Amino acid sequence: MVSLPLVVGVDGSEPSLRAVDWAADEAALRGVPLRVVYASLWGRYEGAALAPEIGEPAGHVTAEDILGAAARRARRHHAGLSLTTAVVPEEPEHVLVRESRDATAVVVGHRGRSDLAELLLGSVSLTVAAHAHCPVVVLRGSHDNRAAAEGHGRIVVGVAGDAPTAAVRFAQEEARRRGVPLEAVRAWRCPAHDTADHPLLAGRPERLYEERAVRELEAALRDTPPDVKVRRRTVEGPARRVLLAVSHEADLLVVGRHRPRHLGPRLGRAAHTVLHHSGCPVAVVPDAA
């Protein structure tokens, strides 16, 4: 059986080349081929990141130069990695979403060649994360470009009340491959209108909401493989704030993405926030159709 490749999108920028390093590690961990894709409507690269490496002026760097540099970086990490490259003269977000139909995952840098502030997410990364047919990893935070390097030693998954089970399974597998614990976090809140005046909530109105969060967390983790060590946490507060806080203590943050039948793919508020501001790489995992 042929394994689906792990796809990484490159554009010659330093964030995209760091994404190649991370993707090479991930492909080796998974034992799948790496596919490096350069998609652009422009024939030549207009940035300066690659010029010193290939000995050409920035305006003379071609798509083939970009792919060659990316392939060399990947093989410096894993010499025996099965690797293919492709140049596609289309908008990158369209190409990567299409590639995601036959990929085990897609990896992208958090921004491309623009001069946007470091904290902002590029439009390509956001579009691919919202519409891809497979998990998408956006390389954010102060990662060291390696998926398997020693870091915080934990994978974190955000679990919602209606959490997509695919996100939990993805996080479990990532933790198992890397041999690190999985931390499952369920954020919860007590609505302001539920006060102690309510006869069922007298004393501690928040207690019922916390207990429900604990039950939902247990339900989401009931099929965890026995060789994956899990730490369970319920935290009071908005999910986006809770996940941002834990992202600074994780090697990878995993969140789910629903695929409603009639409204099309969408990102929730928490996923949208962590994609912009996370302290570590973020994996956005679509639920089953």
C-alpha atoms as a PDB file:
ATOM      1  CA  MET A   1       0.000   0.000   0.000  1.00  0.00           C
ATOM      2  CA  VAL A   2       1.379   3.404  -1.025  1.00  0.00           C
ATOM      3  CA  SER A   3       1.522   5.933   1.813  1.00  0.00           C
ATOM      4  CA  LEU A   4       0.059   9.361   1.236  1.00  0.00           C
ATOM      5  CA  PRO A   5       2.782  12.015   1.302  1.00  0.00           C
ATOM      6  CA  LEU A   6       3.215  14.813   3.766  1.00  0.00           C
ATOM      7  CA  VAL A   7       2.997  18.049   1.754  1.00  0.00           C
ATOM      8  CA  VAL A   8       4.907  21.217   2.623  1.00  0.00           C
ATOM      9  CA  GLY A   9       4.324  24.499   0.846  1.00  0.00           C
ATOM     10  CA  VAL A  10       7.361  26.691   0.120  1.00  0.00           C
ATOM     11  CA  ASP A  11       7.790  30.149  -1.363  1.00  0.00           C
ATOM     12  CA  GLY A  12      11.468  30.822  -0.695  1.00  0.00           C
ATOM     13  CA  SER A  13      10.852  32.806   2.491  1.00  0.00           C
ATOM     14  CA  GLU A  14      12.660  31.865   5.678  1.00  0.00           C
ATOM     15  CA  PRO A  15       9.421  30.799   7.457  1.00  0.00           C
ATOM     16  CA  SER A  16       8.634  28.416   4.607  1.00  0.00           C
ATOM     17  CA  LEU A  17      12.145  26.944   4.643  1.00  0.00           C
ATOM     18  CA  ARG A  18      11.882  26.387   8.391  1.00  0.00           C
ATOM     19  CA  ALA A  19       8.608  24.611   7.648  1.00  0.00           C
ATOM     20  CA  VAL A  20      10.575  22.257   5.363  1.00  0.00           C
ATOM     21  CA  ASP A  21      12.860  21.331   8.268  1.00  0.00           C
ATOM     22  CA  TRP A  22       9.875  20.557  10.489  1.00  0.00           C
ATOM     23  CA  ALA A  23       8.036  18.681   7.735  1.00  0.00           C
ATOM     24  CA  ALA A  24      11.070  16.500   7.013  1.00  0.00           C
ATOM     25  CA  ASP A  25      11.134  15.457  10.656  1.00  0.00           C
ATOM     26  CA  GLU A  26       7.411  14.755  10.654  1.00  0.00           C
ATOM     27  CA  ALA A  27       7.572  12.724   7.441  1.00  0.00           C
ATOM     28  CA  ALA A  28      10.398  10.633   8.912  1.00  0.00           C
ATOM     29  CA  LEU A  29       8.410  10.078  12.108  1.00  0.00           C
ATOM     30  CA  ARG A  30       5.415   8.926  10.094  1.00  0.00           C
ATOM     31  CA  GLY A  31       7.434   6.915   7.584  1.00  0.00           C
ATOM     32  CA  VAL A  32       5.803   8.672   4.626  1.00  0.00           C
ATOM     33  CA  PRO A  33       7.218  10.514   1.590  1.00  0.00           C
ATOM     34  CA  LEU A  34       7.708  14.289   1.675  1.00  0.00           C
ATOM     35  CA  ARG A  35       6.261  16.360  -1.176  1.00  0.00           C
ATOM     36  CA  VAL A  36       7.593  19.916  -1.533  1.00  0.00           C
ATOM     37  CA  VAL A  37       5.284  22.222  -3.477  1.00  0.00           C
ATOM     38  CA  TYR A  38       6.005  25.691  -4.833  1.00  0.00           C
ATOM     39  CA  ALA A  39       2.918  27.448  -6.161  1.00  0.00           C
ATOM     40  CA  SER A  40       2.960  30.954  -7.556  1.00  0.00           C
ATOM     41  CA  LEU A  41       1.655  32.970 -10.470  1.00  0.00           C
ATOM     42  CA  TRP A  42       5.050  34.679 -10.645  1.00  0.00           C
ATOM     43  CA  GLY A  43       7.899  33.196 -12.630  1.00  0.00           C
ATOM     44  CA  ARG A  44      10.643  34.508 -10.390  1.00  0.00           C
ATOM     45  CA  TYR A  45      11.116  34.915  -6.669  1.00  0.00           C
ATOM     46  CA  GLU A  46      11.255  38.513  -5.474  1.00  0.00           C
ATOM     47  CA  GLY A  47      12.719  38.114  -1.992  1.00  0.00           C
ATOM     48  CA  ALA A  48      16.237  37.961  -0.619  1.00  0.00           C
ATOM     49  CA  ALA A  49      16.215  34.946   1.736  1.00  0.00           C
ATOM     50  CA  LEU A  50      17.604  32.467  -0.807  1.00  0.00           C
ATOM     51  CA  ALA A  51      19.924  34.717  -2.771  1.00  0.00           C
ATOM     52  CA  PRO A  52      23.066  34.149  -0.631  1.00  0.00           C
ATOM     53  CA  GLU A  53      22.532  30.385  -0.531  1.00  0.00           C
ATOM     54  CA  ILE A  54      22.390  29.908  -4.293  1.00  0.00           C
ATOM     55  CA  GLY A  55      24.668  32.780  -5.288  1.00  0.00           C
ATOM     56  CA  GLU A  56      22.121  34.646  -7.378  1.00  0.00           C
ATOM     57  CA  PRO A  57      20.567  38.125  -7.055  1.00  0.00           C
ATOM     58  CA  ALA A  58      17.128  38.048  -5.412  1.00  0.00           C
ATOM     59  CA  GLY A  59      15.355  38.895  -8.662  1.00  0.00           C
ATOM     60  CA  HIS A  60      17.023  35.962 -10.466  1.00  0.00           C
ATOM     61  CA  VAL A  61      15.920  33.208  -8.094  1.00  0.00           C
ATOM     62  CA  THR A  62      13.571  30.803  -9.900  1.00  0.00           C
ATOM     63  CA  ALA A  63      11.033  28.271  -8.716  1.00  0.00           C
ATOM     64  CA  GLU A  64      13.522  25.492  -9.422  1.00  0.00           C
ATOM     65  CA  ASP A  65      16.072  27.241  -7.203  1.00  0.00           C
ATOM     66  CA  ILE A  66      13.548  27.391  -4.370  1.00  0.00           C
ATOM     67  CA  LEU A  67      12.663  23.716  -4.671  1.00  0.00           C
ATOM     68  CA  GLY A  68      16.316  22.727  -4.891  1.00  0.00           C
ATOM     69  CA  ALA A  69      17.164  24.627  -1.716  1.00  0.00           C
ATOM     70  CA  ALA A  70      14.171  23.113   0.061  1.00  0.00           C
ATOM     71  CA  ALA A  71      15.099  19.581  -1.004  1.00  0.00           C
ATOM     72  CA  ARG A  72      18.670  20.049   0.206  1.00  0.00           C
ATOM     73  CA  ARG A  73      17.455  21.259   3.584  1.00  0.00           C
ATOM     74  CA  ALA A  74      15.130  18.274   3.945  1.00  0.00           C
ATOM     75  CA  ARG A  75      17.849  15.788   3.078  1.00  0.00           C
ATOM     76  CA  ARG A  76      20.287  17.406   5.500  1.00  0.00           C
ATOM     77  CA  HIS A  77      17.882  16.318   8.224  1.00  0.00           C
ATOM     78  CA  HIS A  78      17.005  12.898   6.775  1.00  0.00           C
ATOM     79  CA  ALA A  79      19.242  11.685   3.962  1.00  0.00           C
ATOM     80  CA  GLY A  80      17.104   8.665   3.102  1.00  0.00           C
ATOM     81  CA  LEU A  81      13.786  10.512   2.998  1.00  0.00           C
ATOM     82  CA  SER A  82      11.636   9.806  -0.060  1.00  0.00           C
ATOM     83  CA  LEU A  83      11.086  13.242  -1.582  1.00  0.00           C
ATOM     84  CA  THR A  84       9.350  14.733  -4.596  1.00  0.00           C
ATOM     85  CA  THR A  85       8.925  18.341  -5.715  1.00  0.00           C
ATOM     86  CA  ALA A  86       6.389  20.196  -7.815  1.00  0.00           C
ATOM     87  CA  VAL A  87       6.012  23.659  -9.354  1.00  0.00           C
ATOM     88  CA  VAL A  88       2.435  24.777  -9.977  1.00  0.00           C
ATOM     89  CA  PRO A  89       1.685  28.145 -11.627  1.00  0.00           C
ATOM     90  CA  GLU A  90      -1.417  28.894  -9.573  1.00  0.00           C
ATOM     91  CA  GLU A  91      -2.385  30.699  -6.403  1.00  0.00           C
ATOM     92  CA  PRO A  92      -0.747  28.789  -3.509  1.00  0.00           C
ATOM     93  CA  GLU A  93      -3.858  28.520  -1.332  1.00  0.00           C
ATOM     94  CA  HIS A  94      -5.777  26.814  -4.148  1.00  0.00           C
ATOM     95  CA  VAL A  95      -2.919  24.450  -4.899  1.00  0.00           C
ATOM     96  CA  LEU A  96      -2.352  23.398  -1.286  1.00  0.00           C
ATOM     97  CA  VAL A  97      -6.053  22.802  -0.640  1.00  0.00           C
ATOM     98  CA  ARG A  98      -6.127  20.603  -3.739  1.00  0.00           C
ATOM     99  CA  GLU A  99      -2.959  18.791  -2.642  1.00  0.00           C
ATOM    100  CA  SER A 100      -4.606  18.123   0.728  1.00  0.00           C
ATOM    101  CA  ARG A 101      -7.051  15.706  -0.903  1.00  0.00           C
ATOM    102  CA  ASP A 102      -4.249  13.156  -1.282  1.00  0.00           C
ATOM    103  CA  ALA A 103      -1.979  14.035   1.644  1.00  0.00           C
ATOM    104  CA  THR A 104      -1.467  12.715   5.136  1.00  0.00           C
ATOM    105  CA  ALA A 105      -1.010  16.331   6.301  1.00  0.00           C
ATOM    106  CA  VAL A 106      -0.017  19.752   4.948  1.00  0.00           C
ATOM    107  CA  VAL A 107       2.663  21.900   6.604  1.00  0.00           C
ATOM    108  CA  VAL A 108       2.985  25.643   6.009  1.00  0.00           C
ATOM    109  CA  GLY A 109       4.933  28.510   7.513  1.00  0.00           C
ATOM    110  CA  HIS A 110       3.003  31.058   9.524  1.00  0.00           C
ATOM    111  CA  ARG A 111       3.558  33.787   6.946  1.00  0.00           C
ATOM    112  CA  GLY A 112       5.203  34.234   3.587  1.00  0.00           C
ATOM    113  CA  ARG A 113       7.127  36.962   1.828  1.00  0.00           C
ATOM    114  CA  SER A 114       5.095  39.939   3.019  1.00  0.00           C
ATOM    115  CA  ASP A 115       6.302  42.497   5.535  1.00  0.00           C
ATOM    116  CA  LEU A 116       3.423  41.885   7.936  1.00  0.00           C
ATOM    117  CA  ALA A 117       4.136  41.923  11.650  1.00  0.00           C
ATOM    118  CA  GLU A 118       5.490  38.666  13.073  1.00  0.00           C
ATOM    119  CA  LEU A 119       2.327  37.973  15.052  1.00  0.00           C
ATOM    120  CA  LEU A 120       0.022  38.080  12.035  1.00  0.00           C
ATOM    121  CA  LEU A 121      -0.841  35.004  10.037  1.00  0.00           C
ATOM    122  CA  GLY A 122      -0.456  34.971   6.271  1.00  0.00           C
ATOM    123  CA  SER A 123      -3.617  34.669   4.196  1.00  0.00           C
ATOM    124  CA  VAL A 124      -2.361  31.481   2.517  1.00  0.00           C
ATOM    125  CA  SER A 125      -1.848  29.699   5.850  1.00  0.00           C
ATOM    126  CA  LEU A 126      -5.245  30.781   7.143  1.00  0.00           C
ATOM    127  CA  THR A 127      -7.075  29.752   3.978  1.00  0.00           C
ATOM    128  CA  VAL A 128      -5.416  26.344   3.819  1.00  0.00           C
ATOM    129  CA  ALA A 129      -6.095  25.675   7.518  1.00  0.00           C
ATOM    130  CA  ALA A 130      -9.764  26.548   7.017  1.00  0.00           C
ATOM    131  CA  HIS A 131     -10.376  24.535   3.846  1.00  0.00           C
ATOM    132  CA  ALA A 132      -7.939  21.607   3.661  1.00  0.00           C
ATOM    133  CA  HIS A 133      -9.209  18.046   3.524  1.00  0.00           C
ATOM    134  CA  CYS A 134      -6.489  16.753   5.862  1.00  0.00           C
ATOM    135  CA  PRO A 135      -4.717  18.074   8.979  1.00  0.00           C
ATOM    136  CA  VAL A 136      -2.778  21.298   8.471  1.00  0.00           C
ATOM    137  CA  VAL A 137       0.203  22.250  10.634  1.00  0.00           C
ATOM    138  CA  VAL A 138       1.026  25.950  10.777  1.00  0.00           C
ATOM    139  CA  LEU A 139       4.524  26.607  12.093  1.00  0.00           C
ATOM    140  CA  ARG A 140       4.098  29.282  14.733  1.00  0.00           C
ATOM    141  CA  GLY A 141       5.939  30.175  17.908  1.00  0.00           C
ATOM    142  CA  SER A 142       9.577  29.784  18.850  1.00  0.00           C
ATOM    143  CA  HIS A 143       9.942  26.212  17.593  1.00  0.00           C
ATOM    144  CA  ASP A 144      13.427  25.032  16.688  1.00  0.00           C
ATOM    145  CA  ASN A 145      12.359  23.772  13.237  1.00  0.00           C
ATOM    146  CA  ARG A 146      12.332  20.155  14.402  1.00  0.00           C
ATOM    147  CA  ALA A 147       9.259  18.033  15.032  1.00  0.00           C
ATOM    148  CA  ALA A 148      11.143  15.457  17.081  1.00  0.00           C
ATOM    149  CA  ALA A 149      13.644  17.622  18.944  1.00  0.00           C
ATOM    150  CA  GLU A 150      13.659  17.900  22.717  1.00  0.00           C
ATOM    151  CA  GLY A 151      11.378  20.730  23.767  1.00  0.00           C
ATOM    152  CA  HIS A 152       8.575  20.881  26.279  1.00  0.00           C
ATOM    153  CA  GLY A 153       7.923  17.173  25.805  1.00  0.00           C
ATOM    154  CA  ARG A 154       4.172  17.372  25.432  1.00  0.00           C
ATOM    155  CA  ILE A 155       1.421  17.487  22.840  1.00  0.00           C
ATOM    156  CA  VAL A 156      -1.673  19.492  23.785  1.00  0.00           C
ATOM    157  CA  VAL A 157      -5.147  19.005  22.335  1.00  0.00           C
ATOM    158  CA  GLY A 158      -8.042  21.370  22.920  1.00  0.00           C
ATOM    159  CA  VAL A 159     -11.264  19.466  23.637  1.00  0.00           C
ATOM    160  CA  ALA A 160     -14.604  21.237  23.184  1.00  0.00           C
ATOM    161  CA  GLY A 161     -18.019  20.005  24.235  1.00  0.00           C
ATOM    162  CA  ASP A 162     -18.681  18.975  20.650  1.00  0.00           C
ATOM    163  CA  ALA A 163     -15.030  18.260  19.935  1.00  0.00           C
ATOM    164  CA  PRO A 164     -14.237  16.688  16.563  1.00  0.00           C
ATOM    165  CA  THR A 165     -12.941  13.229  17.439  1.00  0.00           C
ATOM    166  CA  ALA A 166     -10.445  13.383  14.574  1.00  0.00           C
ATOM    167  CA  ALA A 167      -8.463  16.065  16.429  1.00  0.00           C
ATOM    168  CA  VAL A 168      -8.175  13.878  19.518  1.00  0.00           C
ATOM    169  CA  ARG A 169      -7.056  10.877  17.464  1.00  0.00           C
ATOM    170  CA  PHE A 170      -4.489  12.992  15.641  1.00  0.00           C
ATOM    171  CA  ALA A 171      -3.078  14.279  18.938  1.00  0.00           C
ATOM    172  CA  GLN A 172      -2.930  10.778  20.395  1.00  0.00           C
ATOM    173  CA  GLU A 173      -0.948   9.536  17.404  1.00  0.00           C
ATOM    174  CA  GLU A 174       1.439  12.494  17.522  1.00  0.00           C
ATOM    175  CA  ALA A 175       2.120  11.865  21.204  1.00  0.00           C
ATOM    176  CA  ARG A 176       2.640   8.146  20.578  1.00  0.00           C
ATOM    177  CA  ARG A 177       5.067   8.709  17.690  1.00  0.00           C
ATOM    178  CA  ARG A 178       7.170  11.145  19.685  1.00  0.00           C
ATOM    179  CA  GLY A 179       6.987   9.194  22.942  1.00  0.00           C
ATOM    180  CA  VAL A 180       5.677  12.176  24.928  1.00  0.00           C
ATOM    181  CA  PRO A 181       2.586  12.700  27.104  1.00  0.00           C
ATOM    182  CA  LEU A 182      -0.660  14.082  25.736  1.00  0.00           C
ATOM    183  CA  GLU A 183      -2.307  16.922  27.629  1.00  0.00           C
ATOM    184  CA  ALA A 184      -6.031  17.200  26.932  1.00  0.00           C
ATOM    185  CA  VAL A 185      -7.487  20.579  27.889  1.00  0.00           C
ATOM    186  CA  ARG A 186     -11.183  21.369  28.239  1.00  0.00           C
ATOM    187  CA  ALA A 187     -12.050  25.018  28.815  1.00  0.00           C
ATOM    188  CA  TRP A 188     -15.386  25.782  30.444  1.00  0.00           C
ATOM    189  CA  ARG A 189     -17.379  28.817  31.538  1.00  0.00           C
ATOM    190  CA  CYS A 190     -20.347  29.506  33.782  1.00  0.00           C
ATOM    191  CA  PRO A 191     -22.779  31.786  31.913  1.00  0.00           C
ATOM    192  CA  ALA A 192     -23.418  35.074  33.679  1.00  0.00           C
ATOM    193  CA  HIS A 193     -27.186  34.512  33.725  1.00  0.00           C
ATOM    194  CA  ASP A 194     -26.800  31.285  35.733  1.00  0.00           C
ATOM    195  CA  THR A 195     -26.673  32.713  39.225  1.00  0.00           C
ATOM    196  CA  ALA A 196     -27.082  31.258  42.671  1.00  0.00           C
ATOM    197  CA  ASP A 197     -30.724  32.398  42.577  1.00  0.00           C
ATOM    198  CA  HIS A 198     -31.465  29.399  40.400  1.00  0.00           C
ATOM    199  CA  PRO A 199     -32.761  26.579  42.689  1.00  0.00           C
ATOM    200  CA  LEU A 200     -30.577  23.935  40.981  1.00  0.00           C
ATOM    201  CA  LEU A 201     -27.459  26.071  41.173  1.00  0.00           C
ATOM    202  CA  ALA A 202     -27.592  27.267  44.759  1.00  0.00           C
ATOM    203  CA  GLY A 203     -24.217  27.436  46.450  1.00  0.00           C
ATOM    204  CA  ARG A 204     -21.785  26.917  43.568  1.00  0.00           C
ATOM    205  CA  PRO A 205     -23.360  27.493  40.146  1.00  0.00           C
ATOM    206  CA  GLU A 206     -20.063  26.857  38.424  1.00  0.00           C
ATOM    207  CA  ARG A 207     -19.814  23.346  39.840  1.00  0.00           C
ATOM    208  CA  LEU A 208     -22.290  21.849  37.373  1.00  0.00           C
ATOM    209  CA  TYR A 209     -20.444  23.341  34.409  1.00  0.00           C
ATOM    210  CA  GLU A 210     -17.092  22.083  35.623  1.00  0.00           C
ATOM    211  CA  GLU A 211     -18.491  18.609  36.214  1.00  0.00           C
ATOM    212  CA  ARG A 212     -19.956  18.563  32.726  1.00  0.00           C
ATOM    213  CA  ALA A 213     -16.574  19.592  31.322  1.00  0.00           C
ATOM    214  CA  VAL A 214     -14.937  16.693  33.171  1.00  0.00           C
ATOM    215  CA  ARG A 215     -17.469  14.240  31.722  1.00  0.00           C
ATOM    216  CA  GLU A 216     -17.003  15.569  28.192  1.00  0.00           C
ATOM    217  CA  LEU A 217     -13.252  15.319  28.532  1.00  0.00           C
ATOM    218  CA  GLU A 218     -13.456  11.716  29.695  1.00  0.00           C
ATOM    219  CA  ALA A 219     -15.794  10.853  26.826  1.00  0.00           C
ATOM    220  CA  ALA A 220     -13.417  12.363  24.271  1.00  0.00           C
ATOM    221  CA  LEU A 221     -10.514  10.322  25.651  1.00  0.00           C
ATOM    222  CA  ARG A 222     -12.242   7.006  26.170  1.00  0.00           C
ATOM    223  CA  ASP A 223     -10.482   5.338  23.221  1.00  0.00           C
ATOM    224  CA  THR A 224      -6.966   6.554  24.039  1.00  0.00           C
ATOM    225  CA  PRO A 225      -4.390   3.836  23.235  1.00  0.00           C
ATOM    226  CA  PRO A 226      -2.895   2.282  26.371  1.00  0.00           C
ATOM    227  CA  ASP A 227       0.637   3.323  25.421  1.00  0.00           C
ATOM    228  CA  VAL A 228      -0.250   7.043  25.429  1.00  0.00           C
ATOM    229  CA  LYS A 229       0.069   8.802  28.763  1.00  0.00           C
ATOM    230  CA  VAL A 230      -2.674  11.412  29.172  1.00  0.00           C
ATOM    231  CA  ARG A 231      -2.942  14.369  31.490  1.00  0.00           C
ATOM    232  CA  ARG A 232      -6.457  15.782  31.799  1.00  0.00           C
ATOM    233  CA  ARG A 233      -7.113  19.445  32.585  1.00  0.00           C
ATOM    234  CA  THR A 234     -10.311  21.428  32.917  1.00  0.00           C
ATOM    235  CA  VAL A 235      -9.753  25.175  33.035  1.00  0.00           C
ATOM    236  CA  GLU A 236     -12.294  27.937  33.596  1.00  0.00           C
ATOM    237  CA  GLY A 237     -12.161  30.642  30.942  1.00  0.00           C
ATOM    238  CA  PRO A 238     -12.664  31.302  27.216  1.00  0.00           C
ATOM    239  CA  ALA A 239     -11.201  28.485  25.126  1.00  0.00           C
ATOM    240  CA  ARG A 240      -9.076  30.805  23.002  1.00  0.00           C
ATOM    241  CA  ARG A 241      -7.425  32.332  26.074  1.00  0.00           C
ATOM    242  CA  VAL A 242      -6.897  28.964  27.748  1.00  0.00           C
ATOM    243  CA  LEU A 243      -5.321  27.424  24.631  1.00  0.00           C
ATOM    244  CA  LEU A 244      -3.059  30.399  24.061  1.00  0.00           C
ATOM    245  CA  ALA A 245      -1.738  30.032  27.602  1.00  0.00           C
ATOM    246  CA  VAL A 246      -0.969  26.317  27.265  1.00  0.00           C
ATOM    247  CA  SER A 247       0.597  26.789  23.814  1.00  0.00           C
ATOM    248  CA  HIS A 248       3.684  28.293  25.448  1.00  0.00           C
ATOM    249  CA  GLU A 249       4.312  24.998  27.245  1.00  0.00           C
ATOM    250  CA  ALA A 250       3.739  22.641  24.303  1.00  0.00           C
ATOM    251  CA  ASP A 251       5.589  21.306  21.268  1.00  0.00           C
ATOM    252  CA  LEU A 252       2.378  21.093  19.245  1.00  0.00           C
ATOM    253  CA  LEU A 253      -1.150  22.371  19.870  1.00  0.00           C
ATOM    254  CA  VAL A 254      -3.957  20.422  18.190  1.00  0.00           C
ATOM    255  CA  VAL A 255      -7.397  21.899  17.572  1.00  0.00           C
ATOM    256  CA  GLY A 256     -10.392  20.614  15.649  1.00  0.00           C
ATOM    257  CA  ARG A 257     -12.280  22.100  12.745  1.00  0.00           C
ATOM    258  CA  HIS A 258     -15.893  21.294  11.989  1.00  0.00           C
ATOM    259  CA  ARG A 259     -17.127  20.660   8.478  1.00  0.00           C
ATOM    260  CA  PRO A 260     -20.811  21.669   8.525  1.00  0.00           C
ATOM    261  CA  ARG A 261     -22.862  20.168   5.711  1.00  0.00           C
ATOM    262  CA  HIS A 262     -24.413  23.368   4.460  1.00  0.00           C
ATOM    263  CA  LEU A 263     -22.153  26.221   5.568  1.00  0.00           C
ATOM    264  CA  GLY A 264     -18.860  24.855   4.268  1.00  0.00           C
ATOM    265  CA  PRO A 265     -15.548  24.622   6.153  1.00  0.00           C
ATOM    266  CA  ARG A 266     -14.979  27.135   8.910  1.00  0.00           C
ATOM    267  CA  LEU A 267     -12.642  27.848  11.778  1.00  0.00           C
ATOM    268  CA  GLY A 268     -13.975  28.418  15.266  1.00  0.00           C
ATOM    269  CA  ARG A 269     -12.933  31.459  17.272  1.00  0.00           C
ATOM    270  CA  ALA A 270     -10.462  29.500  19.360  1.00  0.00           C
ATOM    271  CA  ALA A 271      -8.751  27.963  16.306  1.00  0.00           C
ATOM    272  CA  HIS A 272      -8.626  31.325  14.575  1.00  0.00           C
ATOM    273  CA  THR A 273      -7.024  32.959  17.623  1.00  0.00           C
ATOM    274  CA  VAL A 274      -4.332  30.328  18.196  1.00  0.00           C
ATOM    275  CA  LEU A 275      -3.397  30.345  14.523  1.00  0.00           C
ATOM    276  CA  HIS A 276      -2.583  34.022  14.885  1.00  0.00           C
ATOM    277  CA  HIS A 277      -0.920  34.055  18.282  1.00  0.00           C
ATOM    278  CA  SER A 278       0.106  30.545  19.442  1.00  0.00           C
ATOM    279  CA  GLY A 279       3.453  30.036  21.135  1.00  0.00           C
ATOM    280  CA  CYS A 280       3.986  26.710  19.315  1.00  0.00           C
ATOM    281  CA  PRO A 281       3.079  25.022  16.017  1.00  0.00           C
ATOM    282  CA  VAL A 282      -0.673  24.482  15.572  1.00  0.00           C
ATOM    283  CA  ALA A 283      -2.334  21.497  13.905  1.00  0.00           C
ATOM    284  CA  VAL A 284      -5.860  22.132  12.610  1.00  0.00           C
ATOM    285  CA  VAL A 285      -7.637  18.826  12.088  1.00  0.00           C
ATOM    286  CA  PRO A 286     -10.923  18.631  10.126  1.00  0.00           C
ATOM    287  CA  ASP A 287     -13.571  16.342  11.503  1.00  0.00           C
ATOM    288  CA  ALA A 288     -14.851  13.471   9.410  1.00  0.00           C
ATOM    289  CA  ALA A 289     -17.286  14.570   6.702  1.00  0.00           C
END
